[in-house]
Amino acid sequence: MKTKNIYLIIGGIINLFTAFLHFIGGQMTLINPLNNSNLELQVKTELLGVWHMGTIILFLTSFLLLYFGFKQGKNLPKELIKFIGYIYILFSVAFIVVSIINFQLAPQWTLLLPIGVLALVGIRKSKI
């Protein structure tokens, strides 16, 4: 695996796991109960749309990290991978902050933070 970027591959695998967890588990445990609640239809519709915007981001970035992790050579899009890394770190910070504010653990950051860190480490280690 000398020509592979193991950091991006591991980040992509964690990301793909997170995407499926979000798509299936989150739909069942968060979205379905909210859709069955007394919230206004407009709120339910927008909530579902935003939820699956997150799903799309998770699957797309999983594909990108895995693709660039397996791609040979050093002509990788450094700025795109950095963006993915920073955005996942910021996503994790958001969950940490709301956990502190509400005194309730939102454990999503435990998956999002490693993805961001692995993306940034992957860039540094490959010197792309």
C-alpha atoms as a PDB file:
ATOM      1  CA  MET A   1       0.000   0.000   0.000  1.00  0.00           C
ATOM      2  CA  LYS A   2       2.936   2.341  -0.586  1.00  0.00           C
ATOM      3  CA  THR A   3       1.071   4.336  -3.216  1.00  0.00           C
ATOM      4  CA  LYS A   4      -2.152   4.396  -1.224  1.00  0.00           C
ATOM      5  CA  ASN A   5      -2.963   6.985   1.406  1.00  0.00           C
ATOM      6  CA  ILE A   6      -3.981   4.872   4.388  1.00  0.00           C
ATOM      7  CA  TYR A   7      -5.134   7.936   6.372  1.00  0.00           C
ATOM      8  CA  LEU A   8      -7.613   8.963   3.693  1.00  0.00           C
ATOM      9  CA  ILE A   9      -8.778   5.359   3.294  1.00  0.00           C
ATOM     10  CA  ILE A  10      -9.401   4.920   7.031  1.00  0.00           C
ATOM     11  CA  GLY A  11     -11.126   8.319   7.160  1.00  0.00           C
ATOM     12  CA  GLY A  12     -13.268   7.311   4.187  1.00  0.00           C
ATOM     13  CA  ILE A  13     -14.245   4.008   5.824  1.00  0.00           C
ATOM     14  CA  ILE A  14     -15.226   5.745   9.075  1.00  0.00           C
ATOM     15  CA  ASN A  15     -17.100   8.314   7.011  1.00  0.00           C
ATOM     16  CA  LEU A  16     -18.971   5.636   5.060  1.00  0.00           C
ATOM     17  CA  PHE A  17     -19.944   3.908   8.310  1.00  0.00           C
ATOM     18  CA  THR A  18     -21.144   7.271   9.631  1.00  0.00           C
ATOM     19  CA  ALA A  19     -23.139   7.883   6.445  1.00  0.00           C
ATOM     20  CA  PHE A  20     -25.011   4.585   6.763  1.00  0.00           C
ATOM     21  CA  LEU A  21     -25.540   5.143  10.491  1.00  0.00           C
ATOM     22  CA  HIS A  22     -26.962   8.595   9.739  1.00  0.00           C
ATOM     23  CA  PHE A  23     -29.125   7.408   6.853  1.00  0.00           C
ATOM     24  CA  ILE A  24     -30.636   4.380   8.587  1.00  0.00           C
ATOM     25  CA  GLY A  25     -30.217   4.809  12.335  1.00  0.00           C
ATOM     26  CA  GLY A  26     -30.831   8.548  12.376  1.00  0.00           C
ATOM     27  CA  GLN A  27     -33.899   8.211  10.210  1.00  0.00           C
ATOM     28  CA  MET A  28     -35.376   5.620  12.581  1.00  0.00           C
ATOM     29  CA  THR A  29     -34.422   7.202  15.910  1.00  0.00           C
ATOM     30  CA  LEU A  30     -34.678  10.934  15.166  1.00  0.00           C
ATOM     31  CA  ILE A  31     -36.509  11.739  11.962  1.00  0.00           C
ATOM     32  CA  ASN A  32     -39.373   9.225  12.103  1.00  0.00           C
ATOM     33  CA  PRO A  33     -40.399  10.225  15.659  1.00  0.00           C
ATOM     34  CA  LEU A  34     -40.280  13.902  14.691  1.00  0.00           C
ATOM     35  CA  ASN A  35     -42.346  13.191  11.571  1.00  0.00           C
ATOM     36  CA  ASN A  36     -44.922  11.458  13.789  1.00  0.00           C
ATOM     37  CA  SER A  37     -45.064  14.425  16.148  1.00  0.00           C
ATOM     38  CA  ASN A  38     -47.343  17.448  16.125  1.00  0.00           C
ATOM     39  CA  LEU A  39     -44.828  19.659  14.356  1.00  0.00           C
ATOM     40  CA  GLU A  40     -46.195  21.677  11.451  1.00  0.00           C
ATOM     41  CA  LEU A  41     -45.935  20.000   8.054  1.00  0.00           C
ATOM     42  CA  GLN A  42     -43.645  22.775   6.770  1.00  0.00           C
ATOM     43  CA  VAL A  43     -41.230  22.185   9.667  1.00  0.00           C
ATOM     44  CA  LYS A  44     -41.281  18.419   9.089  1.00  0.00           C
ATOM     45  CA  THR A  45     -40.630  18.882   5.372  1.00  0.00           C
ATOM     46  CA  GLU A  46     -37.697  21.228   5.911  1.00  0.00           C
ATOM     47  CA  LEU A  47     -36.276  19.053   8.666  1.00  0.00           C
ATOM     48  CA  LEU A  48     -36.326  16.012   6.393  1.00  0.00           C
ATOM     49  CA  GLY A  49     -34.699  17.987   3.575  1.00  0.00           C
ATOM     50  CA  VAL A  50     -31.916  19.315   5.792  1.00  0.00           C
ATOM     51  CA  TRP A  51     -31.399  15.881   7.337  1.00  0.00           C
ATOM     52  CA  HIS A  52     -30.808  14.327   3.951  1.00  0.00           C
ATOM     53  CA  MET A  53     -28.579  17.201   2.875  1.00  0.00           C
ATOM     54  CA  GLY A  54     -26.349  15.888   5.660  1.00  0.00           C
ATOM     55  CA  THR A  55     -26.764  12.362   4.305  1.00  0.00           C
ATOM     56  CA  ILE A  56     -25.636  13.516   0.856  1.00  0.00           C
ATOM     57  CA  ILE A  57     -22.570  15.273   2.306  1.00  0.00           C
ATOM     58  CA  LEU A  58     -21.628  12.165   4.270  1.00  0.00           C
ATOM     59  CA  PHE A  59     -21.861   9.815   1.289  1.00  0.00           C
ATOM     60  CA  LEU A  60     -20.169  12.222  -1.143  1.00  0.00           C
ATOM     61  CA  THR A  61     -17.231  12.946   1.149  1.00  0.00           C
ATOM     62  CA  SER A  62     -16.904   9.215   1.883  1.00  0.00           C
ATOM     63  CA  PHE A  63     -16.554   8.587  -1.837  1.00  0.00           C
ATOM     64  CA  LEU A  64     -14.021  11.407  -2.242  1.00  0.00           C
ATOM     65  CA  LEU A  65     -11.821  10.304   0.669  1.00  0.00           C
ATOM     66  CA  LEU A  66     -11.840   6.694  -0.508  1.00  0.00           C
ATOM     67  CA  TYR A  67     -11.252   7.664  -4.141  1.00  0.00           C
ATOM     68  CA  PHE A  68      -8.293   9.903  -3.350  1.00  0.00           C
ATOM     69  CA  GLY A  69      -7.005   7.437  -0.756  1.00  0.00           C
ATOM     70  CA  PHE A  70      -6.738   4.716  -3.381  1.00  0.00           C
ATOM     71  CA  LYS A  71      -5.653   7.011  -6.226  1.00  0.00           C
ATOM     72  CA  GLN A  72      -2.020   6.646  -7.106  1.00  0.00           C
ATOM     73  CA  GLY A  73       0.245   9.624  -7.571  1.00  0.00           C
ATOM     74  CA  LYS A  74       0.593  12.959  -5.881  1.00  0.00           C
ATOM     75  CA  ASN A  75      -1.719  15.063  -8.063  1.00  0.00           C
ATOM     76  CA  LEU A  76      -4.487  15.047  -5.495  1.00  0.00           C
ATOM     77  CA  PRO A  77      -6.720  18.083  -4.842  1.00  0.00           C
ATOM     78  CA  LYS A  78      -5.049  19.300  -1.662  1.00  0.00           C
ATOM     79  CA  GLU A  79      -7.523  22.133  -1.084  1.00  0.00           C
ATOM     80  CA  LEU A  80     -10.581  19.881  -1.473  1.00  0.00           C
ATOM     81  CA  ILE A  81      -9.210  17.346   1.011  1.00  0.00           C
ATOM     82  CA  LYS A  82      -8.298  20.155   3.425  1.00  0.00           C
ATOM     83  CA  PHE A  83     -11.831  21.534   3.109  1.00  0.00           C
ATOM     84  CA  ILE A  84     -13.288  18.125   3.952  1.00  0.00           C
ATOM     85  CA  GLY A  85     -10.954  17.854   6.941  1.00  0.00           C
ATOM     86  CA  TYR A  86     -11.758  21.295   8.298  1.00  0.00           C
ATOM     87  CA  ILE A  87     -15.503  20.977   7.744  1.00  0.00           C
ATOM     88  CA  TYR A  88     -15.617  17.698   9.674  1.00  0.00           C
ATOM     89  CA  ILE A  89     -13.615  19.200  12.523  1.00  0.00           C
ATOM     90  CA  LEU A  90     -16.057  22.116  12.620  1.00  0.00           C
ATOM     91  CA  PHE A  91     -19.027  19.721  12.515  1.00  0.00           C
ATOM     92  CA  SER A  92     -17.573  17.949  15.553  1.00  0.00           C
ATOM     93  CA  VAL A  93     -17.042  21.263  17.367  1.00  0.00           C
ATOM     94  CA  ALA A  94     -20.721  22.087  16.791  1.00  0.00           C
ATOM     95  CA  PHE A  95     -21.763  18.824  18.465  1.00  0.00           C
ATOM     96  CA  ILE A  96     -19.342  19.383  21.351  1.00  0.00           C
ATOM     97  CA  VAL A  97     -20.685  22.905  21.916  1.00  0.00           C
ATOM     98  CA  VAL A  98     -24.357  21.897  21.845  1.00  0.00           C
ATOM     99  CA  SER A  99     -23.552  18.999  24.182  1.00  0.00           C
ATOM    100  CA  ILE A 100     -22.046  21.448  26.658  1.00  0.00           C
ATOM    101  CA  ILE A 101     -24.839  24.005  26.290  1.00  0.00           C
ATOM    102  CA  ASN A 102     -27.605  21.428  26.775  1.00  0.00           C
ATOM    103  CA  PHE A 103     -25.770  19.233  29.301  1.00  0.00           C
ATOM    104  CA  GLN A 104     -26.574  16.288  27.017  1.00  0.00           C
ATOM    105  CA  LEU A 105     -24.007  14.226  25.159  1.00  0.00           C
ATOM    106  CA  ALA A 106     -24.401  14.319  21.385  1.00  0.00           C
ATOM    107  CA  PRO A 107     -21.807  11.650  20.519  1.00  0.00           C
ATOM    108  CA  GLN A 108     -21.665  12.380  16.778  1.00  0.00           C
ATOM    109  CA  TRP A 109     -18.400  14.244  17.266  1.00  0.00           C
ATOM    110  CA  THR A 110     -16.659  10.965  18.137  1.00  0.00           C
ATOM    111  CA  LEU A 111     -17.049   9.896  14.485  1.00  0.00           C
ATOM    112  CA  LEU A 112     -16.763  13.289  12.806  1.00  0.00           C
ATOM    113  CA  LEU A 113     -13.560  14.475  14.511  1.00  0.00           C
ATOM    114  CA  PRO A 114     -11.433  11.470  13.450  1.00  0.00           C
ATOM    115  CA  ILE A 115     -12.597  11.859   9.843  1.00  0.00           C
ATOM    116  CA  GLY A 116     -11.438  15.475   9.787  1.00  0.00           C
ATOM    117  CA  VAL A 117      -8.155  14.741  11.505  1.00  0.00           C
ATOM    118  CA  LEU A 118      -7.413  11.767   9.236  1.00  0.00           C
ATOM    119  CA  ALA A 119      -8.070  13.897   6.141  1.00  0.00           C
ATOM    120  CA  LEU A 120      -5.610  16.548   7.333  1.00  0.00           C
ATOM    121  CA  VAL A 121      -3.015  13.985   8.425  1.00  0.00           C
ATOM    122  CA  GLY A 122      -3.423  12.249   5.072  1.00  0.00           C
ATOM    123  CA  ILE A 123      -2.439  15.455   3.284  1.00  0.00           C
ATOM    124  CA  ARG A 124       0.551  16.052   5.539  1.00  0.00           C
ATOM    125  CA  LYS A 125       1.854  12.485   5.322  1.00  0.00           C
ATOM    126  CA  SER A 126       1.553  12.259   1.529  1.00  0.00           C
ATOM    127  CA  LYS A 127       3.057  15.722   0.963  1.00  0.00           C
ATOM    128  CA  ILE A 128       0.522  16.447  -1.740  1.00  0.00           C
END
